Amino acid sequence: MLFSRLQVKLNASLIILAGLMLLFLISLGQWQIRRAEQKQTLLDMQLARMNLPAKLIEELDFEKGELRYLPVRVEGDVDASHQILIDNQVRHGRVGYFVLTPIKLSNNTAILLNRGWVAQSDDRSRLPMVETKLSFLSSQGRIDHFPVVAIELEGADQLSAGWPSVTQIINLDQVAERLGYEVLPYQVLMDEQQEHGYDRQWLFMKMGPERHYGYAFQWFALAVAWVILCFLVSLKRGENNEYINKEST
């Protein structure tokens, strides 16, 4: 009798554990589906805005809607003495920096123009030479968010002393405070055919929606495999229990 009660409690615990694991696997698959749909939305937006005519950046309303991928013209004074380098950017298997140059616009704000990627030297204390003699620049590019990192460590958004200043993450409040003027909440990725830039093989999306669908399929396949495994284990346990009951009688 005691053995039967213990067996019932054990079976109930295993069923609950198996159910929780199944829900966990399904939820991971659903999460990947949602990520794929988000990526597809961004991809559709990018394709829809690919061939739009470039607008002067001052004409855009930064308080409304998503401006990502819009082609723009940037015209303004170059703050060449206060450039920012975004650290830990990998291109061609090498670590380097994105070069962000503040452009002062006619509406008393500024935009950070990403002029491209430069390689890091073997000596990290030696920053790349990104000086420019330009005082005024007219260029074209596309609006985008600033680079992000998977895990943001404490102090990653701190600007190093001196100029050019190095950081891993753009913190607009700190950048504006350091520069002494308002900075718009986007960067402009300078087009490849524009002058006065560096390596600009822009990668707008590191992982497309199809990769997320593939991951979702894997999670759902694991969920199916888990159900089959639990079914086979339950059959085996049933046979063992039947044998034990026969032996006890």
Foldseek 3Di string as FASTA:
>chain_A
DVVVVVVVVVVVVVVVVLVVVLVVLLVLLVVLLVVQVVLVVVVVVLVVQVPDDADAPVVDDLVDDDQFNHKYKYKAFWPQQAKEWAFQDDDPNATWTFIWIWGQDPVQETATEGQDTDGQDPDNVDHDDLGDPGGIDIFMFTKDAWDDDPDDDPPQCDWDPGPPTYHNDDDQVVSCVVVVTHYRRIHGYTDPPDPSGDDRPDDRDPDHSVVSNVVSVVSVVVSVVSVVVVVVVVVVVVVVVVVVVVVVD
